[in-house]
């Protein structure tokens, strides 16, 4: 493959990813003498000041979901108190087990655990704390693989997921040897139930639905999909990593939220990210299961190691207990009232943005999402529009299939003046692209290539080179 045409793009990417080479010291080996701690702290403060400008002012899609300075200081204090905690050593830090058990219980009750009325303790909603949404998804898929192998004798497991389900399911497919069947979404961008039914066979171990999926923010028909799974005696996983800590409060506020949680008897597991709309620090998520027996397939243990008995509930051995403490502190300090009020601000901001974007003839909002605004255009190059917005400091997410961009609305965007600034810049972007259809589009060509099957190998190579850049000093 000839990658020469992409060398200018890769060079620009390297500049943007490595902006500190000239102004800050670079360490490719240990310094002969350790740097003074005050000097190290000063360097960190400078980097923080540079990087905070963008997300604090609400220019970033998603990424920082709360961001209030007083709240950050509170969480930082909690982290410092628990900085040495390690859940692997539950005998030394039983507080870590307390925090994680309560995080799981609070999340389960938020997501319909009370609807499970069986008196059998084995049927209770249970779960674990993970490092993020990807690990929660990987854990669930590994669990279903092992469950199906032991209880059904399935040696060639398969999963079914809509095309819009998170890429972490593909990662699970590759890591754990589970054949992936990606099925289409309908005109409403929700999973096609008939296509799922047609894809099922004797090796299907789990069906996936999203509440909502990352690209367009439109909840899949979880009720129909989960009932289909239940009728066949297989697992159903609701990926609520994005919406798990927002949709319950949206429902309480009267917004139309389709059923997606354990109130549906066919839902056997859920992933929900505490570090998104749960407002914990980055590095925690929750994976929940219907029944202790299913969760046990997630666990790992070794009983014949010379180092003693080894066991861990998740992929990691040692883990930062401070992150679990911070997560617990965020949840109990906000409470239902805090989460509901945050949801109200976000949902009202999103509704205003949808209305304003729909008034622009050249743009179309995809569906009617509650807190994600995805837009496309039949007359403009959407990636040129994204490039213009990037030059205006906005960090939007580029999508493809179809070509589109989205803004994941957070509390940062609910600040006074942010949504108005966004719309002013967006209208200027539309006018500019209409007038300059041949303007540079940054990474737009790569997104376009990714939509074409023959060129995806080239895109994969480019992404590999991008990741190589991340580790260059």
Protein backbone atom coordinates (compact mmCIF):
# COMPACT_ATOMS: atom_id res chain seq x y z
CA UNK A 1 0.00 0.00 0.00
CA UNK A 2 1.17 3.53 -0.79
CA UNK A 3 0.84 5.71 2.31
CA UNK A 4 2.72 8.70 0.92
CA UNK A 5 -0.48 10.68 0.35
CA UNK A 6 -1.20 10.45 4.07
CA UNK A 7 2.21 11.60 5.27
CA UNK A 8 1.13 15.27 5.52
CA UNK A 9 -1.93 14.26 7.58
CA UNK A 10 0.19 12.06 9.86
CA UNK A 11 2.71 14.89 10.28
CA UNK A 12 -0.06 17.27 11.33
CA UNK A 13 -1.47 14.67 13.69
CA UNK A 14 1.93 14.25 15.29
CA UNK A 15 2.18 18.00 15.83
CA UNK A 16 -1.22 18.09 17.50
CA UNK A 17 -0.52 15.01 19.64
CA UNK A 18 2.96 16.12 20.73
CA UNK A 19 2.62 19.87 21.33
CA UNK A 20 4.96 20.03 24.33
CA UNK A 21 8.25 18.97 22.76
CA UNK A 22 9.62 22.51 22.50
CA UNK A 23 8.34 24.06 25.69
CA UNK A 24 8.69 21.27 28.25
CA UNK A 25 11.53 18.90 29.17
CA UNK A 26 11.47 15.45 27.60
CA UNK A 27 12.64 12.37 29.51
CA UNK A 28 13.64 9.35 27.45
CA UNK A 29 15.66 7.95 30.36
CA UNK A 30 15.72 8.48 34.10
CA UNK A 31 17.41 11.73 35.14
CA UNK A 32 20.71 11.18 36.92
CA UNK A 33 19.38 13.17 39.86
CA UNK A 34 15.70 13.28 40.74
CA UNK A 35 13.93 16.54 39.93
CA UNK A 36 12.83 18.76 42.81
CA UNK A 37 9.23 17.95 43.77
CA UNK A 38 8.18 21.61 43.63
CA UNK A 39 9.51 21.75 40.08
CA UNK A 40 7.54 18.64 39.13
CA UNK A 41 4.36 20.08 40.64
CA UNK A 42 4.89 23.37 38.80
CA UNK A 43 5.24 21.50 35.51
CA UNK A 44 2.03 19.61 36.18
CA UNK A 45 0.19 22.83 37.00
CA UNK A 46 1.32 24.39 33.71
CA UNK A 47 0.11 21.38 31.71
CA UNK A 48 -3.20 21.36 33.55
CA UNK A 49 -3.76 25.07 32.87
CA UNK A 50 -3.15 24.57 29.15
CA UNK A 51 -5.42 21.55 28.81
CA UNK A 52 -8.28 22.71 31.04
CA UNK A 53 -9.20 25.66 28.83
CA UNK A 54 -10.91 23.55 26.20
CA UNK A 55 -13.07 21.28 28.34
CA UNK A 56 -13.86 23.82 31.07
CA UNK A 57 -15.47 26.16 28.57
CA UNK A 58 -17.60 23.40 27.09
CA UNK A 59 -15.86 22.95 23.75
CA UNK A 60 -15.51 19.16 24.02
CA UNK A 61 -18.08 16.51 23.16
CA UNK A 62 -18.43 14.20 26.17
CA UNK A 63 -15.00 13.59 27.82
CA UNK A 64 -15.63 15.65 31.00
CA UNK A 65 -19.19 15.15 32.17
CA UNK A 66 -19.30 17.31 35.31
CA UNK A 67 -16.25 19.54 35.59
CA UNK A 68 -17.31 21.94 38.36
CA UNK A 69 -14.15 23.09 40.16
CA UNK A 70 -15.55 22.63 43.66
CA UNK A 71 -16.75 19.12 42.80
CA UNK A 72 -13.35 18.23 41.30
CA UNK A 73 -11.61 19.46 44.47
CA UNK A 74 -13.92 17.29 46.55
CA UNK A 75 -13.14 14.19 44.49
CA UNK A 76 -9.42 14.99 44.54
CA UNK A 77 -9.50 15.11 48.35
CA UNK A 78 -11.23 11.72 48.45
CA UNK A 79 -8.60 10.29 46.10
CA UNK A 80 -5.74 11.58 48.25
CA UNK A 81 -7.23 10.01 51.39
CA UNK A 82 -7.43 6.62 49.64
CA UNK A 83 -4.37 6.83 47.39
CA UNK A 84 -2.73 3.68 48.79
CA UNK A 85 -5.87 1.52 48.75
CA UNK A 86 -5.83 -1.68 46.66
CA UNK A 87 -8.95 -3.88 46.45
CA UNK A 88 -6.73 -6.90 45.74
CA UNK A 89 -5.81 -6.81 49.42
CA UNK A 90 -9.29 -6.83 50.90
CA UNK A 91 -7.92 -7.76 54.31
CA UNK A 92 -5.83 -4.58 54.43
CA UNK A 93 -8.41 -2.26 52.87
CA UNK A 94 -11.89 -3.60 53.68
CA UNK A 95 -13.12 -0.06 52.95
CA UNK A 96 -12.49 -0.74 49.25
CA UNK A 97 -14.83 -3.74 49.36
CA UNK A 98 -17.42 -1.64 51.20
CA UNK A 99 -17.28 1.09 48.56
CA UNK A 100 -17.45 -1.30 45.61
CA UNK A 101 -20.29 -3.40 47.04
CA UNK A 102 -22.33 -0.26 47.66
CA UNK A 103 -21.55 1.18 44.21
CA UNK A 104 -22.88 -2.03 42.67
CA UNK A 105 -25.96 -2.06 44.92
CA UNK A 106 -26.84 1.60 44.27
CA UNK A 107 -26.39 1.17 40.52
CA UNK A 108 -28.47 -2.03 40.50
CA UNK A 109 -31.33 -0.35 42.36
CA UNK A 110 -31.21 2.56 39.92
CA UNK A 111 -31.50 0.08 37.02
CA UNK A 112 -34.51 -1.96 38.08
CA UNK A 113 -33.18 -4.42 40.66
CA UNK A 114 -36.27 -3.88 42.82
CA UNK A 115 -38.38 -5.48 40.08
CA UNK A 116 -36.67 -8.82 40.72
CA UNK A 117 -38.91 -10.20 43.46
CA UNK A 118 -37.60 -13.76 43.70
CA UNK A 119 -36.87 -14.88 47.26
CA UNK A 120 -33.97 -16.96 45.96
CA UNK A 121 -30.76 -15.04 46.77
CA UNK A 122 -29.14 -16.66 43.74
CA UNK A 123 -31.50 -14.60 41.52
CA UNK A 124 -30.58 -11.19 42.93
CA UNK A 125 -29.07 -8.50 40.72
CA UNK A 126 -25.35 -8.42 41.40
CA UNK A 127 -22.22 -7.14 39.72
CA UNK A 128 -18.71 -5.74 39.92
CA UNK A 129 -16.79 -2.51 39.53
CA UNK A 130 -14.52 -2.35 36.47
CA UNK A 131 -12.06 0.15 35.03
CA UNK A 132 -14.42 1.50 32.39
CA UNK A 133 -17.07 0.66 29.83
CA UNK A 134 -14.76 -1.39 27.65
CA UNK A 135 -13.79 -3.64 30.55
CA UNK A 136 -17.42 -3.99 31.62
CA UNK A 137 -18.34 -5.12 28.11
CA UNK A 138 -15.36 -7.48 27.86
CA UNK A 139 -16.19 -9.01 31.24
CA UNK A 140 -19.80 -9.61 30.25
CA UNK A 141 -18.90 -11.23 26.94
CA UNK A 142 -16.25 -13.44 28.58
CA UNK A 143 -18.88 -14.41 31.15
CA UNK A 144 -21.39 -15.46 28.48
CA UNK A 145 -18.74 -17.43 26.60
CA UNK A 146 -17.82 -19.44 29.69
CA UNK A 147 -21.45 -19.82 30.80
CA UNK A 148 -22.48 -21.17 27.39
CA UNK A 149 -19.52 -23.54 27.27
CA UNK A 150 -20.30 -25.04 30.68
CA UNK A 151 -24.10 -25.07 30.66
CA UNK A 152 -24.81 -25.60 26.96
CA UNK A 153 -21.65 -27.21 25.64
CA UNK A 154 -21.18 -24.48 23.03
CA UNK A 155 -17.61 -24.59 21.71
CA UNK A 156 -17.99 -22.11 18.83
CA UNK A 157 -19.81 -19.18 20.49
CA UNK A 158 -21.45 -16.37 18.52
CA UNK A 159 -22.88 -12.98 19.49
CA UNK A 160 -25.31 -10.68 17.72
CA UNK A 161 -24.95 -6.90 17.94
CA UNK A 162 -26.37 -3.98 15.95
CA UNK A 163 -23.97 -2.12 13.66
CA UNK A 164 -24.16 0.83 16.07
CA UNK A 165 -23.14 -1.14 19.19
CA UNK A 166 -19.83 -0.10 20.72
CA UNK A 167 -16.55 -1.26 19.16
CA UNK A 168 -15.69 -2.89 22.50
CA UNK A 169 -17.92 -5.79 21.43
CA UNK A 170 -15.63 -6.34 18.44
CA UNK A 171 -12.71 -6.26 20.84
CA UNK A 172 -14.42 -8.94 22.94
CA UNK A 173 -15.05 -10.97 19.80
CA UNK A 174 -11.36 -10.84 18.88
CA UNK A 175 -10.03 -11.40 22.40
CA UNK A 176 -12.33 -14.26 23.38
CA UNK A 177 -12.93 -16.06 20.09
CA UNK A 178 -16.62 -15.21 19.84
CA UNK A 179 -17.90 -14.88 16.27
CA UNK A 180 -19.54 -11.51 15.79
CA UNK A 181 -22.68 -11.00 13.71
CA UNK A 182 -23.27 -7.29 13.12
CA UNK A 183 -26.86 -6.67 12.06
CA UNK A 184 -28.24 -3.51 10.45
CA UNK A 185 -30.28 -0.75 12.01
CA UNK A 186 -33.51 0.45 10.49
CA UNK A 187 -34.45 3.85 9.09
CA UNK A 188 -34.92 4.98 12.69
CA UNK A 189 -31.31 3.97 13.50
CA UNK A 190 -32.51 1.35 15.99
CA UNK A 191 -31.57 -2.33 15.84
CA UNK A 192 -33.55 -4.38 13.29
CA UNK A 193 -35.32 -7.05 15.36
CA UNK A 194 -36.12 -9.19 12.32
CA UNK A 195 -32.45 -9.20 11.32
CA UNK A 196 -31.48 -10.31 14.83
CA UNK A 197 -34.01 -13.14 14.70
CA UNK A 198 -32.64 -14.27 11.33
CA UNK A 199 -29.04 -14.23 12.62
CA UNK A 200 -29.73 -16.48 15.62
CA UNK A 201 -28.60 -20.11 15.62
CA UNK A 202 -27.63 -22.90 18.01
CA UNK A 203 -24.27 -21.24 18.77
CA UNK A 204 -25.70 -17.83 19.72
CA UNK A 205 -24.78 -17.08 23.33
CA UNK A 206 -25.80 -13.43 23.69
CA UNK A 207 -27.68 -10.62 21.96
CA UNK A 208 -26.64 -7.00 22.51
CA UNK A 209 -28.66 -3.79 22.55
CA UNK A 210 -27.60 -0.26 23.47
CA UNK A 211 -29.23 2.36 25.68
CA UNK A 212 -28.20 4.32 23.78
CA UNK A 213 -25.41 3.55 21.26
CA UNK A 214 -22.54 6.02 20.98
CA UNK A 215 -23.04 7.23 17.38
CA UNK A 216 -26.58 8.63 17.35
CA UNK A 217 -27.91 8.35 20.91
CA UNK A 218 -31.12 6.49 19.99
CA UNK A 219 -32.08 3.62 22.31
CA UNK A 220 -32.47 0.21 20.66
CA UNK A 221 -35.75 -1.77 21.03
CA UNK A 222 -34.45 -3.48 24.16
CA UNK A 223 -37.86 -4.87 25.11
CA UNK A 224 -38.26 -6.81 21.85
CA UNK A 225 -34.63 -7.90 21.63
CA UNK A 226 -34.41 -9.09 25.22
CA UNK A 227 -37.67 -11.01 24.96
CA UNK A 228 -36.36 -12.69 21.82
CA UNK A 229 -33.25 -13.74 23.77
CA UNK A 230 -35.34 -14.96 26.71
CA UNK A 231 -37.54 -17.06 24.44
CA UNK A 232 -34.43 -18.89 23.24
CA UNK A 233 -32.78 -19.21 26.65
CA UNK A 234 -29.74 -17.08 25.79
CA UNK A 235 -28.19 -14.00 27.33
CA UNK A 236 -29.11 -10.40 26.62
CA UNK A 237 -26.78 -7.54 27.42
CA UNK A 238 -27.92 -3.92 27.61
CA UNK A 239 -24.97 -1.64 27.01
CA UNK A 240 -25.99 1.39 29.07
CA UNK A 241 -22.43 2.64 29.49
CA UNK A 242 -23.49 5.98 28.06
CA UNK A 243 -27.06 6.29 29.28
CA UNK A 244 -27.21 4.20 32.44
CA UNK A 245 -26.71 7.15 34.80
CA UNK A 246 -28.90 9.57 32.85
CA UNK A 247 -31.90 7.70 31.42
CA UNK A 248 -33.40 6.74 34.84
CA UNK A 249 -33.54 10.41 35.81
CA UNK A 250 -34.82 11.43 32.39
CA UNK A 251 -37.68 8.99 32.91
CA UNK A 252 -38.43 10.52 36.32
CA UNK A 253 -38.53 13.94 34.67
CA UNK A 254 -41.17 12.71 32.21
CA UNK A 255 -39.05 12.29 29.10
CA UNK A 256 -39.92 9.36 26.78
CA UNK A 257 -37.43 6.66 27.80
CA UNK A 258 -38.05 3.19 26.35
CA UNK A 259 -37.57 0.27 28.78
CA UNK A 260 -33.99 -1.00 28.90
CA UNK A 261 -33.10 -2.30 32.37
CA UNK A 262 -33.81 -5.25 34.70
CA UNK A 263 -37.52 -4.47 34.73
CA UNK A 264 -37.44 -6.41 31.46
CA UNK A 265 -37.16 -10.12 32.40
CA UNK A 266 -35.04 -10.92 29.35
CA UNK A 267 -32.23 -8.52 30.31
CA UNK A 268 -29.55 -10.64 31.95
CA UNK A 269 -26.71 -8.10 32.19
CA UNK A 270 -26.10 -4.36 31.96
CA UNK A 271 -23.01 -2.19 31.70
CA UNK A 272 -23.22 1.38 33.06
CA UNK A 273 -20.37 3.88 33.31
CA UNK A 274 -20.01 5.68 36.61
CA UNK A 275 -17.28 7.84 35.07
CA UNK A 276 -19.63 9.36 32.49
CA UNK A 277 -22.98 10.67 33.72
CA UNK A 278 -22.26 9.08 37.11
CA UNK A 279 -19.73 11.94 37.51
CA UNK A 280 -16.99 9.83 39.09
CA UNK A 281 -13.36 10.32 38.09
CA UNK A 282 -12.25 8.48 34.96
CA UNK A 283 -11.54 4.83 35.55
CA UNK A 284 -14.72 3.18 36.90
CA UNK A 285 -17.75 1.42 35.48
CA UNK A 286 -20.25 -1.16 36.70
CA UNK A 287 -21.24 -4.48 35.11
CA UNK A 288 -24.42 -6.07 36.49
CA UNK A 289 -25.86 -9.58 36.18
CA UNK A 290 -29.18 -11.27 36.81
CA UNK A 291 -28.13 -13.89 39.36
CA UNK A 292 -25.02 -14.84 41.31
CA UNK A 293 -24.52 -17.97 39.23
CA UNK A 294 -23.99 -15.95 36.06
CA UNK A 295 -21.56 -13.53 37.73
CA UNK A 296 -19.38 -16.40 38.92
CA UNK A 297 -18.39 -17.09 35.31
CA UNK A 298 -16.70 -13.67 35.34
CA UNK A 299 -14.36 -14.61 38.20
CA UNK A 300 -10.82 -15.97 37.86
CA UNK A 301 -9.03 -18.12 40.42
CA UNK A 302 -5.97 -20.38 40.67
CA UNK A 303 -5.69 -22.92 43.48
CA UNK A 304 -2.37 -24.65 42.69
CA UNK A 305 0.07 -21.75 42.34
CA UNK A 306 3.20 -21.79 44.57
CA UNK A 307 2.45 -18.17 45.41
CA UNK A 308 -0.72 -19.18 47.20
CA UNK A 309 -4.37 -18.81 46.32
CA UNK A 310 -4.92 -16.22 43.58
CA UNK A 311 -8.30 -14.85 42.61
CA UNK A 312 -9.72 -11.68 41.08
CA UNK A 313 -13.27 -10.69 40.13
CA UNK A 314 -12.20 -8.59 37.13
CA UNK A 315 -9.28 -8.55 34.68
CA UNK A 316 -6.94 -6.53 36.85
CA UNK A 317 -5.17 -7.86 39.92
CA UNK A 318 -4.06 -4.76 41.77
CA UNK A 319 -6.47 -1.90 41.22
CA UNK A 320 -6.62 1.72 42.37
CA UNK A 321 -8.98 1.58 45.33
CA UNK A 322 -8.93 5.37 45.38
CA UNK A 323 -10.97 5.43 42.16
CA UNK A 324 -13.66 3.27 43.75
CA UNK A 325 -13.66 5.54 46.81
CA UNK A 326 -14.07 8.57 44.53
CA UNK A 327 -16.90 6.86 42.67
CA UNK A 328 -18.71 6.05 45.91
CA UNK A 329 -18.20 9.62 47.16
CA UNK A 330 -19.56 11.10 43.91
CA UNK A 331 -22.68 8.95 44.08
CA UNK A 332 -23.56 9.49 47.73
CA UNK A 333 -22.76 13.22 47.64
CA UNK A 334 -25.00 13.85 44.60
CA UNK A 335 -27.88 11.55 45.50
CA UNK A 336 -31.05 11.22 43.46
CA UNK A 337 -31.75 14.94 43.65
CA UNK A 338 -28.33 15.87 42.31
CA UNK A 339 -28.52 13.41 39.43
CA UNK A 340 -32.04 14.49 38.54
CA UNK A 341 -31.15 18.16 38.48
CA UNK A 342 -28.07 17.48 36.34
CA UNK A 343 -30.19 15.46 33.92
CA UNK A 344 -32.74 18.27 33.70
CA UNK A 345 -30.08 20.80 32.69
CA UNK A 346 -28.55 18.48 30.10
CA UNK A 347 -31.86 17.44 28.57
CA UNK A 348 -33.11 21.02 28.31
CA UNK A 349 -29.85 22.08 26.67
CA UNK A 350 -30.09 19.21 24.18
CA UNK A 351 -33.71 20.02 23.32
CA UNK A 352 -32.74 23.64 22.59
CA UNK A 353 -29.82 22.55 20.41
CA UNK A 354 -31.96 20.12 18.40
CA UNK A 355 -34.52 22.84 17.74
CA UNK A 356 -31.87 25.33 16.60
CA UNK A 357 -30.01 22.82 14.39
CA UNK A 358 -33.28 21.77 12.74
CA UNK A 359 -33.78 25.40 11.72
CA UNK A 360 -30.67 25.15 9.51
CA UNK A 361 -31.87 23.87 6.12
CA UNK A 362 -28.53 22.28 5.22
CA UNK A 363 -28.37 20.05 8.31
CA UNK A 364 -30.50 17.19 9.61
CA UNK A 365 -30.56 15.90 13.18
CA UNK A 366 -30.48 12.10 13.17
CA UNK A 367 -33.57 10.84 14.99
CA UNK A 368 -34.71 12.42 18.23
CA UNK A 369 -32.08 11.61 20.85
CA UNK A 370 -32.31 12.90 24.41
CA UNK A 371 -28.72 13.96 25.13
CA UNK A 372 -26.72 13.31 21.97
CA UNK A 373 -27.06 15.52 18.90
CA UNK A 374 -25.88 13.78 15.73
CA UNK A 375 -26.18 15.71 12.51
CA UNK A 376 -25.67 14.97 8.84
CA UNK A 377 -26.10 16.83 5.56
CA UNK A 378 -27.24 15.97 2.04
CA UNK A 379 -25.69 19.09 0.53
CA UNK A 380 -22.51 19.79 2.53
CA UNK A 381 -19.37 17.80 3.26
CA UNK A 382 -19.95 17.16 6.95
CA UNK A 383 -16.25 16.58 7.60
CA UNK A 384 -15.37 20.00 6.21
CA UNK A 385 -17.93 21.42 8.62
CA UNK A 386 -16.28 19.45 11.45
CA UNK A 387 -12.88 20.83 10.41
CA UNK A 388 -14.20 24.40 10.59
CA UNK A 389 -15.61 23.73 14.06
CA UNK A 390 -12.28 22.23 15.10
CA UNK A 391 -10.56 25.48 14.12
CA UNK A 392 -13.08 27.21 16.38
CA UNK A 393 -11.87 24.95 19.24
CA UNK A 394 -14.86 22.59 19.21
CA UNK A 395 -14.01 18.93 19.73
CA UNK A 396 -16.83 17.11 17.94
CA UNK A 397 -16.94 13.38 17.24
CA UNK A 398 -16.72 12.38 13.59
CA UNK A 399 -18.91 9.44 12.56
CA UNK A 400 -19.42 7.48 9.38
CA UNK A 401 -22.00 5.10 7.90
CA UNK A 402 -23.58 7.60 7.32
CA UNK A 403 -21.13 10.54 7.34
CA UNK A 404 -22.09 12.66 10.33
CA UNK A 405 -20.80 14.37 13.48
CA UNK A 406 -22.18 14.53 16.97
CA UNK A 407 -22.03 16.50 20.19
CA UNK A 408 -22.47 14.49 23.40
CA UNK A 409 -24.07 17.05 25.71
CA UNK A 410 -22.73 17.31 29.27
CA UNK A 411 -22.99 19.72 32.18
CA UNK A 412 -20.21 21.73 30.55
CA UNK A 413 -22.59 22.58 27.70
CA UNK A 414 -25.35 23.55 30.12
CA UNK A 415 -23.27 26.49 31.36
CA UNK A 416 -24.60 29.94 30.46
CA UNK A 417 -23.73 30.99 26.92
CA UNK A 418 -22.16 27.72 25.71
CA UNK A 419 -25.04 26.44 23.58
CA UNK A 420 -25.45 29.91 22.01
CA UNK A 421 -21.73 30.02 21.18
CA UNK A 422 -21.97 26.57 19.62
CA UNK A 423 -24.87 27.55 17.37
CA UNK A 424 -23.20 30.79 16.31
CA UNK A 425 -20.08 28.90 15.25
CA UNK A 426 -22.13 26.14 13.60
CA UNK A 427 -24.03 28.64 11.47
CA UNK A 428 -20.75 30.23 10.42
CA UNK A 429 -19.40 26.77 9.60
CA UNK A 430 -22.35 26.03 7.33
CA UNK A 431 -21.96 29.34 5.53
CA UNK A 432 -18.20 28.84 5.11
CA UNK A 433 -18.48 25.30 3.71
CA UNK A 434 -21.23 26.37 1.30
CA UNK A 435 -18.99 29.14 0.03
CA UNK A 436 -15.78 27.07 0.07
CA UNK A 437 -16.72 23.48 -0.88
CA UNK A 438 -13.07 22.66 -1.68
CA UNK A 439 -11.66 23.81 1.66
CA UNK A 440 -9.32 21.38 3.48
CA UNK A 441 -11.13 18.76 5.56
CA UNK A 442 -8.42 17.44 7.89
CA UNK A 443 -9.04 13.77 8.66
CA UNK A 444 -12.20 13.72 6.54
CA UNK A 445 -10.65 11.58 3.76
CA UNK A 446 -9.80 8.89 6.32
CA UNK A 447 -13.41 8.76 7.52
CA UNK A 448 -14.55 8.53 3.91
CA UNK A 449 -12.16 5.67 3.23
CA UNK A 450 -13.39 3.80 6.30
CA UNK A 451 -16.85 3.62 4.70
CA UNK A 452 -15.45 1.66 1.75
CA UNK A 453 -14.72 -2.01 2.32
CA UNK A 454 -11.68 -2.23 -0.04
CA UNK A 455 -9.95 0.63 1.79
CA UNK A 456 -10.53 -0.41 5.41
CA UNK A 457 -7.20 -2.24 5.52
CA UNK A 458 -5.45 1.00 4.68
CA UNK A 459 -7.41 2.85 7.37
CA UNK A 460 -6.43 0.16 9.89
CA UNK A 461 -2.79 0.73 9.03
CA UNK A 462 -3.21 4.49 9.48
CA UNK A 463 -4.80 3.95 12.89
CA UNK A 464 -1.88 1.73 13.86
CA UNK A 465 0.54 4.49 12.90
CA UNK A 466 -1.55 6.97 14.88
CA UNK A 467 -1.20 4.79 17.97
CA UNK A 468 2.55 4.52 17.33
CA UNK A 469 2.73 8.33 17.56
CA UNK A 470 1.17 8.24 21.03
CA UNK A 471 4.22 6.39 22.36
CA UNK A 472 6.83 8.58 20.70
CA UNK A 473 8.78 10.88 23.06
